[in-house]
Amino acid sequence: MIKMIPQRETLKPDSLIYQCVSRENIVKKTNTEVSKVFDEEVKMSKANNIIERIKELNPNVRIKTDFDRNLMFCSVNVDELTLPEWFYYNQKNWITNKHNTQSGIYGNVQVYPLEYYDPSFL
């Protein structure tokens, strides 16, 4: 016959309990902040979101896009545009945040002068 020995709960001093609770709260908060950063970077990796943000920041600039919203045509020089935070213009005609993300997920939009916009071709 096997005799069952009741398991005893090990008691922790109050200070250890508080440390565990604090650590769990820090992890939850950190995970929430990381999640917010990740969600924002995923959102800003899409060309249409980047273009919409640029339009908001530059209300007086005429901006047109192609059908797929991957190309942007603007009435001013790219250097004159106010870009979203962490975005920059590189010499390949791209607005991007490639080296400025924490998650590695980045977005970019190719930019051309408004004279190149031809709705019949696009």
N, C-alpha and C. Protein backbone atom coordinates (compact mmCIF):
# COMPACT_ATOMS: atom_id res chain seq x y z
N MET A 1 0.83 -1.17 0.00
CA MET A 1 0.00 0.00 0.00
C MET A 1 0.89 1.25 0.00
N ILE A 2 0.55 2.19 -0.89
CA ILE A 2 1.33 3.42 -1.01
C ILE A 2 0.67 4.48 -0.16
N LYS A 3 1.49 5.10 0.63
CA LYS A 3 0.97 6.15 1.50
C LYS A 3 1.21 7.51 0.82
N MET A 4 0.15 8.28 0.67
CA MET A 4 0.25 9.60 0.05
C MET A 4 0.71 10.62 1.08
N ILE A 5 1.74 11.32 0.72
CA ILE A 5 2.23 12.37 1.61
C ILE A 5 1.70 13.69 1.06
N PRO A 6 0.99 14.45 1.87
CA PRO A 6 0.47 15.72 1.37
C PRO A 6 1.61 16.68 1.05
N GLN A 7 1.45 17.37 -0.06
CA GLN A 7 2.48 18.33 -0.44
C GLN A 7 2.30 19.59 0.37
N ARG A 8 3.41 20.13 0.78
CA ARG A 8 3.35 21.36 1.56
C ARG A 8 3.69 22.53 0.66
N GLU A 9 2.98 23.56 0.90
CA GLU A 9 3.27 24.78 0.15
C GLU A 9 4.44 25.46 0.81
N THR A 10 5.39 25.88 0.00
CA THR A 10 6.51 26.59 0.60
C THR A 10 6.13 28.06 0.72
N LEU A 11 6.33 28.58 1.85
CA LEU A 11 5.99 29.97 2.10
C LEU A 11 7.18 30.86 1.76
N LYS A 12 6.87 31.96 1.17
CA LYS A 12 7.92 32.91 0.83
C LYS A 12 7.79 34.11 1.74
N PRO A 13 8.88 34.70 2.09
CA PRO A 13 8.78 35.94 2.85
C PRO A 13 8.11 37.01 2.01
N ASP A 14 7.48 37.96 2.66
CA ASP A 14 6.75 39.01 1.96
C ASP A 14 7.61 39.73 0.93
N SER A 15 8.86 39.97 1.23
CA SER A 15 9.72 40.71 0.30
C SER A 15 9.87 39.95 -1.01
N LEU A 16 9.96 38.63 -0.98
CA LEU A 16 10.07 37.84 -2.21
C LEU A 16 8.78 37.90 -3.01
N ILE A 17 7.65 37.90 -2.33
CA ILE A 17 6.36 38.00 -3.02
C ILE A 17 6.28 39.33 -3.74
N TYR A 18 6.65 40.40 -3.06
CA TYR A 18 6.62 41.73 -3.68
C TYR A 18 7.56 41.80 -4.88
N GLN A 19 8.73 41.19 -4.75
CA GLN A 19 9.68 41.19 -5.87
C GLN A 19 9.09 40.45 -7.07
N CYS A 20 8.45 39.31 -6.82
CA CYS A 20 7.85 38.54 -7.92
C CYS A 20 6.75 39.34 -8.60
N VAL A 21 5.90 39.98 -7.81
CA VAL A 21 4.80 40.77 -8.37
C VAL A 21 5.37 41.94 -9.17
N SER A 22 6.37 42.61 -8.65
CA SER A 22 6.99 43.74 -9.36
C SER A 22 7.60 43.27 -10.67
N ARG A 23 8.30 42.14 -10.64
CA ARG A 23 8.93 41.62 -11.84
C ARG A 23 7.87 41.28 -12.88
N GLU A 24 6.76 40.66 -12.46
CA GLU A 24 5.69 40.33 -13.40
C GLU A 24 5.09 41.60 -14.01
N ASN A 25 4.91 42.63 -13.20
CA ASN A 25 4.36 43.89 -13.72
C ASN A 25 5.31 44.53 -14.72
N ILE A 26 6.60 44.47 -14.45
CA ILE A 26 7.59 45.04 -15.37
C ILE A 26 7.56 44.28 -16.69
N VAL A 27 7.49 42.96 -16.63
CA VAL A 27 7.45 42.15 -17.85
C VAL A 27 6.19 42.47 -18.64
N LYS A 28 5.03 42.57 -17.96
CA LYS A 28 3.79 42.88 -18.65
C LYS A 28 3.87 44.25 -19.31
N LYS A 29 4.40 45.23 -18.59
CA LYS A 29 4.50 46.59 -19.14
C LYS A 29 5.47 46.60 -20.32
N THR A 30 6.59 45.94 -20.17
CA THR A 30 7.58 45.90 -21.25
C THR A 30 7.00 45.21 -22.47
N ASN A 31 6.31 44.10 -22.28
CA ASN A 31 5.71 43.40 -23.41
C ASN A 31 4.68 44.27 -24.10
N THR A 32 3.92 45.05 -23.35
CA THR A 32 2.92 45.94 -23.93
C THR A 32 3.60 47.02 -24.75
N GLU A 33 4.67 47.62 -24.23
CA GLU A 33 5.39 48.66 -24.96
C GLU A 33 6.03 48.10 -26.23
N VAL A 34 6.63 46.92 -26.13
CA VAL A 34 7.23 46.28 -27.30
C VAL A 34 6.15 45.99 -28.33
N SER A 35 5.01 45.53 -27.87
CA SER A 35 3.90 45.23 -28.76
C SER A 35 3.43 46.49 -29.49
N LYS A 36 3.35 47.61 -28.78
CA LYS A 36 2.93 48.87 -29.40
C LYS A 36 3.93 49.30 -30.47
N VAL A 37 5.21 49.21 -30.15
CA VAL A 37 6.25 49.58 -31.12
C VAL A 37 6.16 48.68 -32.34
N PHE A 38 6.02 47.39 -32.11
CA PHE A 38 5.93 46.43 -33.21
C PHE A 38 4.72 46.73 -34.08
N ASP A 39 3.56 46.95 -33.45
CA ASP A 39 2.33 47.23 -34.21
C ASP A 39 2.47 48.50 -35.03
N GLU A 40 3.09 49.54 -34.46
CA GLU A 40 3.28 50.80 -35.18
C GLU A 40 4.22 50.60 -36.37
N GLU A 41 5.28 49.83 -36.18
CA GLU A 41 6.23 49.60 -37.27
C GLU A 41 5.61 48.75 -38.37
N VAL A 42 4.78 47.80 -38.02
CA VAL A 42 4.08 47.00 -39.04
C VAL A 42 3.14 47.92 -39.82
N LYS A 43 2.43 48.78 -39.11
CA LYS A 43 1.49 49.70 -39.76
C LYS A 43 2.23 50.63 -40.72
N MET A 44 3.37 51.17 -40.28
CA MET A 44 4.12 52.12 -41.11
C MET A 44 5.00 51.43 -42.15
N SER A 45 4.94 50.12 -42.24
CA SER A 45 5.68 49.44 -43.30
C SER A 45 4.86 49.38 -44.58
N LYS A 46 3.58 49.71 -44.49
CA LYS A 46 2.71 49.69 -45.66
C LYS A 46 2.74 51.04 -46.36
N ALA A 47 2.94 51.01 -47.66
CA ALA A 47 3.11 52.24 -48.44
C ALA A 47 1.93 53.18 -48.31
N ASN A 48 0.70 52.65 -48.32
CA ASN A 48 -0.46 53.55 -48.25
C ASN A 48 -0.51 54.29 -46.91
N ASN A 49 -0.07 53.66 -45.82
CA ASN A 49 -0.03 54.34 -44.52
C ASN A 49 1.04 55.43 -44.50
N ILE A 50 2.16 55.15 -45.13
CA ILE A 50 3.23 56.14 -45.20
C ILE A 50 2.75 57.36 -45.99
N ILE A 51 2.12 57.12 -47.13
CA ILE A 51 1.64 58.21 -47.98
C ILE A 51 0.57 59.03 -47.25
N GLU A 52 -0.34 58.36 -46.56
CA GLU A 52 -1.38 59.08 -45.81
C GLU A 52 -0.76 59.96 -44.73
N ARG A 53 0.26 59.44 -44.06
CA ARG A 53 0.94 60.24 -43.01
C ARG A 53 1.66 61.43 -43.63
N ILE A 54 2.29 61.25 -44.78
CA ILE A 54 2.97 62.35 -45.46
C ILE A 54 1.95 63.41 -45.89
N LYS A 55 0.78 62.97 -46.37
CA LYS A 55 -0.28 63.91 -46.74
C LYS A 55 -0.74 64.73 -45.54
N GLU A 56 -0.88 64.08 -44.39
CA GLU A 56 -1.28 64.78 -43.17
C GLU A 56 -0.25 65.83 -42.76
N LEU A 57 1.03 65.48 -42.90
CA LEU A 57 2.10 66.39 -42.50
C LEU A 57 2.34 67.52 -43.50
N ASN A 58 1.86 67.35 -44.73
CA ASN A 58 2.07 68.33 -45.80
C ASN A 58 0.75 68.67 -46.47
N PRO A 59 -0.15 69.36 -45.79
CA PRO A 59 -1.49 69.59 -46.35
C PRO A 59 -1.50 70.50 -47.58
N ASN A 60 -0.48 71.33 -47.77
CA ASN A 60 -0.45 72.27 -48.89
C ASN A 60 0.26 71.71 -50.13
N VAL A 61 0.70 70.47 -50.06
CA VAL A 61 1.42 69.86 -51.17
C VAL A 61 0.47 68.93 -51.92
N ARG A 62 0.48 69.04 -53.25
CA ARG A 62 -0.33 68.13 -54.06
C ARG A 62 0.41 66.80 -54.18
N ILE A 63 -0.26 65.75 -53.76
CA ILE A 63 0.34 64.41 -53.80
C ILE A 63 -0.63 63.47 -54.50
N LYS A 64 -0.13 62.79 -55.50
CA LYS A 64 -0.91 61.78 -56.23
C LYS A 64 -0.22 60.44 -56.05
N THR A 65 -0.99 59.37 -56.20
CA THR A 65 -0.42 58.02 -56.09
C THR A 65 -0.89 57.16 -57.25
N ASP A 66 -0.18 56.07 -57.47
CA ASP A 66 -0.60 55.13 -58.50
C ASP A 66 -1.72 54.25 -57.95
N PHE A 67 -2.20 53.36 -58.76
CA PHE A 67 -3.32 52.50 -58.39
C PHE A 67 -3.01 51.65 -57.15
N ASP A 68 -1.84 51.07 -57.11
CA ASP A 68 -1.45 50.21 -55.99
C ASP A 68 -0.93 50.99 -54.79
N ARG A 69 -0.79 52.30 -54.95
CA ARG A 69 -0.28 53.19 -53.91
C ARG A 69 1.15 52.84 -53.50
N ASN A 70 1.95 52.43 -54.45
CA ASN A 70 3.36 52.17 -54.18
C ASN A 70 4.25 53.29 -54.67
N LEU A 71 3.71 54.11 -55.59
CA LEU A 71 4.46 55.25 -56.12
C LEU A 71 3.77 56.53 -55.68
N MET A 72 4.58 57.52 -55.34
CA MET A 72 4.04 58.80 -54.91
C MET A 72 4.59 59.89 -55.83
N PHE A 73 3.72 60.78 -56.27
CA PHE A 73 4.11 61.90 -57.12
C PHE A 73 3.75 63.17 -56.34
N CYS A 74 4.72 64.07 -56.14
CA CYS A 74 4.42 65.26 -55.35
C CYS A 74 4.84 66.53 -56.08
N SER A 75 4.17 67.63 -55.73
CA SER A 75 4.34 68.91 -56.42
C SER A 75 5.56 69.69 -55.93
N VAL A 76 6.22 69.23 -54.88
CA VAL A 76 7.43 69.91 -54.39
C VAL A 76 8.59 68.93 -54.39
N ASN A 77 9.77 69.46 -54.25
CA ASN A 77 10.96 68.63 -54.16
C ASN A 77 10.88 67.81 -52.86
N VAL A 78 11.36 66.61 -52.89
CA VAL A 78 11.28 65.71 -51.72
C VAL A 78 11.97 66.32 -50.51
N ASP A 79 13.03 67.09 -50.74
CA ASP A 79 13.75 67.72 -49.63
C ASP A 79 12.87 68.71 -48.87
N GLU A 80 11.82 69.21 -49.49
CA GLU A 80 10.94 70.18 -48.87
C GLU A 80 9.79 69.53 -48.09
N LEU A 81 9.63 68.24 -48.22
CA LEU A 81 8.54 67.54 -47.53
C LEU A 81 8.86 67.35 -46.05
N THR A 82 7.83 67.42 -45.24
CA THR A 82 7.95 67.04 -43.84
C THR A 82 7.63 65.55 -43.79
N LEU A 83 8.58 64.76 -43.33
CA LEU A 83 8.42 63.31 -43.33
C LEU A 83 8.03 62.81 -41.94
N PRO A 84 7.36 61.66 -41.88
CA PRO A 84 7.02 61.09 -40.57
C PRO A 84 8.28 60.80 -39.76
N GLU A 85 8.10 60.69 -38.46
CA GLU A 85 9.22 60.42 -37.59
C GLU A 85 9.96 59.16 -38.02
N TRP A 86 11.27 59.20 -37.99
CA TRP A 86 12.18 58.10 -38.33
C TRP A 86 12.34 57.88 -39.83
N PHE A 87 11.62 58.61 -40.67
CA PHE A 87 11.75 58.44 -42.11
C PHE A 87 12.76 59.42 -42.68
N TYR A 88 13.39 59.04 -43.76
CA TYR A 88 14.35 59.90 -44.44
C TYR A 88 14.29 59.60 -45.94
N TYR A 89 14.90 60.49 -46.70
CA TYR A 89 14.94 60.33 -48.16
C TYR A 89 16.33 59.88 -48.55
N ASN A 90 16.42 58.81 -49.35
CA ASN A 90 17.73 58.39 -49.85
C ASN A 90 17.85 58.73 -51.33
N GLN A 91 19.00 58.58 -51.87
CA GLN A 91 19.29 59.01 -53.24
C GLN A 91 18.69 58.12 -54.32
N LYS A 92 18.05 57.05 -53.95
CA LYS A 92 17.42 56.16 -54.93
C LYS A 92 15.95 56.50 -55.14
N ASN A 93 15.55 57.72 -54.79
CA ASN A 93 14.16 58.18 -54.91
C ASN A 93 13.22 57.47 -53.96
N TRP A 94 13.69 57.08 -52.81
CA TRP A 94 12.84 56.39 -51.84
C TRP A 94 12.74 57.19 -50.55
N ILE A 95 11.54 57.21 -49.99
CA ILE A 95 11.36 57.66 -48.62
C ILE A 95 11.27 56.38 -47.81
N THR A 96 12.10 56.23 -46.79
CA THR A 96 12.18 54.96 -46.07
C THR A 96 12.54 55.19 -44.60
N ASN A 97 12.35 54.17 -43.79
CA ASN A 97 12.81 54.15 -42.41
C ASN A 97 13.66 52.91 -42.17
N LYS A 98 14.33 52.46 -43.22
CA LYS A 98 15.01 51.16 -43.22
C LYS A 98 15.95 50.94 -42.04
N HIS A 99 16.80 51.89 -41.71
CA HIS A 99 17.78 51.66 -40.65
C HIS A 99 17.35 52.28 -39.32
N ASN A 100 16.10 52.69 -39.22
CA ASN A 100 15.64 53.37 -38.02
C ASN A 100 14.53 52.63 -37.28
N THR A 101 14.36 51.34 -37.53
CA THR A 101 13.32 50.60 -36.83
C THR A 101 13.93 49.71 -35.76
N GLN A 102 13.15 49.42 -34.75
CA GLN A 102 13.63 48.55 -33.68
C GLN A 102 13.36 47.08 -34.00
N SER A 103 12.34 46.83 -34.81
CA SER A 103 11.97 45.44 -35.10
C SER A 103 12.61 44.91 -36.38
N GLY A 104 13.14 45.81 -37.21
CA GLY A 104 13.69 45.39 -38.49
C GLY A 104 12.66 45.46 -39.60
N ILE A 105 11.39 45.69 -39.26
CA ILE A 105 10.34 45.83 -40.26
C ILE A 105 10.35 47.29 -40.71
N TYR A 106 10.50 47.50 -41.99
CA TYR A 106 10.56 48.88 -42.48
C TYR A 106 9.65 49.06 -43.68
N GLY A 107 9.41 50.30 -44.00
CA GLY A 107 8.57 50.62 -45.15
C GLY A 107 9.27 51.62 -46.04
N ASN A 108 8.84 51.68 -47.29
CA ASN A 108 9.39 52.68 -48.19
C ASN A 108 8.40 52.99 -49.31
N VAL A 109 8.57 54.17 -49.87
CA VAL A 109 7.72 54.63 -50.96
C VAL A 109 8.62 55.31 -51.98
N GLN A 110 8.42 54.98 -53.23
CA GLN A 110 9.20 55.60 -54.29
C GLN A 110 8.53 56.93 -54.67
N VAL A 111 9.35 57.98 -54.85
CA VAL A 111 8.82 59.33 -55.06
C VAL A 111 9.31 59.89 -56.40
N TYR A 112 8.37 60.55 -57.11
CA TYR A 112 8.69 61.20 -58.38
C TYR A 112 8.05 62.58 -58.40
N PRO A 113 8.53 63.48 -59.25
CA PRO A 113 7.88 64.79 -59.40
C PRO A 113 6.47 64.61 -59.98
N LEU A 114 5.60 65.54 -59.68
CA LEU A 114 4.21 65.47 -60.10
C LEU A 114 4.07 65.47 -61.62
N GLU A 115 5.03 66.06 -62.35
CA GLU A 115 4.97 66.08 -63.82
C GLU A 115 4.97 64.67 -64.41
N TYR A 116 5.52 63.72 -63.69
CA TYR A 116 5.58 62.34 -64.20
C TYR A 116 4.27 61.58 -64.00
N TYR A 117 3.35 62.16 -63.30
CA TYR A 117 2.07 61.48 -63.02
C TYR A 117 1.22 61.42 -64.26
N ASP A 118 0.87 60.22 -64.68
CA ASP A 118 0.03 60.02 -65.85
C ASP A 118 -1.02 58.96 -65.52
N PRO A 119 -2.24 59.38 -65.15
CA PRO A 119 -3.25 58.41 -64.71
C PRO A 119 -3.60 57.38 -65.78
N SER A 120 -3.48 57.73 -67.05
CA SER A 120 -3.81 56.75 -68.10
C SER A 120 -2.78 55.63 -68.16
N PHE A 121 -1.55 55.94 -67.81
CA PHE A 121 -0.48 54.93 -67.83
C PHE A 121 -0.56 54.05 -66.59
N LEU A 122 -0.95 54.64 -65.47
CA LEU A 122 -0.99 53.91 -64.21
C LEU A 122 -2.29 53.17 -64.12
